[in-house]
Amino acid sequence: MKMPPPNRWAKPTGRFLFYIWDTKDVPFEQVIDEHTVVITPQFDNLHVYGREMQEEPDEHRDGILFGEWFSTACPEGELGTVNVRECRYISAEAFSDAYQRGWRLKGEE
């Protein structure tokens, strides 16, 4: 099975995840205060694949998963968190298949 290179900053648990990120209804730019602006990329049903990563005990938050997340928008992956209700576990084979497709959906290769 082909997999992305190991992340040098985090250790995988061996579990793999999938979720859909839909930000089409989120404003592109949100001004929080005079020093902070949040820019939200606009994605319509972006398919995101993840490797669950181990957390330090003092960093664990109930309902939040720490992982390395991959998609066509970020094919090299990035560490981050997601609400556990937004994702589902997938097999290592399904994750590997998505990696080999360049994170595209089946049929888009």
Protein backbone atom coordinates (compact mmCIF):
# COMPACT_ATOMS: atom_id res chain seq x y z
CA MET A 1 0.00 0.00 0.00
CA LYS A 2 1.30 3.45 -0.92
CA MET A 3 0.99 6.16 1.72
CA PRO A 4 2.07 9.80 2.04
CA PRO A 5 5.46 10.30 3.68
CA PRO A 6 5.42 10.22 7.50
CA ASN A 7 4.79 13.51 9.25
CA ARG A 8 7.85 14.53 11.21
CA TRP A 9 5.86 16.51 13.77
CA ALA A 10 3.24 13.94 14.83
CA LYS A 11 2.80 10.20 15.30
CA PRO A 12 -0.06 8.36 13.60
CA THR A 13 -2.48 6.15 15.52
CA GLY A 14 -3.01 3.88 12.50
CA ARG A 15 -6.58 5.06 12.00
CA PHE A 16 -7.78 6.90 8.91
CA LEU A 17 -10.60 9.40 8.45
CA PHE A 18 -12.74 11.11 5.86
CA TYR A 19 -14.99 14.17 5.91
CA ILE A 20 -16.49 16.71 3.53
CA TRP A 21 -15.67 20.38 4.07
CA ASP A 22 -18.30 22.71 2.69
CA THR A 23 -17.61 26.42 3.11
CA LYS A 24 -19.72 27.82 0.29
CA ASP A 25 -22.03 29.54 2.82
CA VAL A 26 -19.20 30.97 4.97
CA PRO A 27 -18.17 34.57 4.25
CA PHE A 28 -14.79 34.69 2.47
CA GLU A 29 -13.48 37.45 4.73
CA GLN A 30 -14.54 38.01 8.32
CA VAL A 31 -13.24 40.97 10.34
CA ILE A 32 -12.93 39.83 13.96
CA ASP A 33 -11.43 43.07 15.28
CA GLU A 34 -9.18 45.87 14.00
CA HIS A 35 -6.14 43.53 14.07
CA THR A 36 -7.69 40.24 12.95
CA VAL A 37 -9.24 39.18 9.65
CA VAL A 38 -10.14 35.55 8.99
CA ILE A 39 -9.94 34.45 5.35
CA THR A 40 -11.95 31.31 4.61
CA PRO A 41 -11.28 29.54 1.31
CA GLN A 42 -14.45 28.73 -0.59
CA PHE A 43 -14.97 25.00 -1.17
CA ASP A 44 -18.10 23.23 -2.25
CA ASN A 45 -17.96 19.70 -0.82
CA LEU A 46 -14.16 19.35 -0.63
CA HIS A 47 -13.30 15.73 0.18
CA VAL A 48 -10.73 15.58 2.98
CA TYR A 49 -8.82 12.44 3.98
CA GLY A 50 -6.94 12.18 7.23
CA ARG A 51 -4.54 10.22 9.36
CA GLU A 52 -5.48 10.40 13.02
CA MET A 53 -2.49 11.51 15.10
CA GLN A 54 -1.58 10.91 18.73
CA GLU A 55 -2.18 13.80 21.07
CA GLU A 56 -0.41 14.74 24.24
CA PRO A 57 -2.73 14.04 27.19
CA ASP A 58 -2.89 17.73 28.14
CA GLU A 59 -3.95 18.66 24.57
CA HIS A 60 -6.88 16.22 24.31
CA ARG A 61 -10.35 17.74 23.96
CA ASP A 62 -13.49 15.60 23.95
CA GLY A 63 -15.19 15.50 20.57
CA ILE A 64 -12.15 16.85 18.69
CA LEU A 65 -9.84 14.73 16.51
CA PHE A 66 -6.24 15.69 15.82
CA GLY A 67 -5.02 14.59 12.44
CA GLU A 68 -3.04 15.21 9.31
CA TRP A 69 -5.50 16.23 6.59
CA PHE A 70 -5.12 15.82 2.82
CA SER A 71 -7.23 17.03 -0.12
CA THR A 72 -6.90 18.40 -3.64
CA ALA A 73 -6.64 21.84 -1.99
CA CYS A 74 -3.79 20.69 0.28
CA PRO A 75 -2.26 17.55 -1.27
CA GLU A 76 0.87 17.72 0.92
CA GLY A 77 -1.25 17.54 4.08
CA GLU A 78 -1.51 19.74 7.14
CA LEU A 79 -1.97 19.10 10.83
CA GLY A 80 -5.19 20.28 12.43
CA THR A 81 -8.34 19.34 14.28
CA VAL A 82 -11.89 18.50 13.28
CA ASN A 83 -15.06 17.77 15.20
CA VAL A 84 -15.52 14.02 15.57
CA ARG A 85 -19.15 14.31 14.39
CA GLU A 86 -17.99 15.63 11.01
CA CYS A 87 -15.90 12.64 9.99
CA ARG A 88 -15.96 8.89 9.74
CA TYR A 89 -13.27 6.25 9.93
CA ILE A 90 -12.17 4.59 6.69
CA SER A 91 -9.86 1.69 5.92
CA ALA A 92 -6.13 2.05 5.26
CA GLU A 93 -6.85 0.76 1.75
CA ALA A 94 -9.42 3.49 1.07
CA PHE A 95 -6.95 6.12 2.33
CA SER A 96 -4.14 4.68 0.17
CA ASP A 97 -6.42 4.58 -2.88
CA ALA A 98 -7.31 8.27 -2.39
CA TYR A 99 -3.60 9.13 -2.04
CA GLN A 100 -2.81 7.33 -5.29
CA ARG A 101 -5.63 9.26 -7.04
CA GLY A 102 -4.12 12.57 -5.86
CA TRP A 103 -7.00 12.94 -3.35
CA ARG A 104 -9.48 13.22 -6.24
CA LEU A 105 -12.75 11.31 -6.27
CA LYS A 106 -12.97 8.02 -8.11
CA GLY A 107 -13.59 8.73 -11.77
CA GLU A 108 -11.81 12.10 -11.67
CA GLU A 109 -8.32 10.62 -12.12
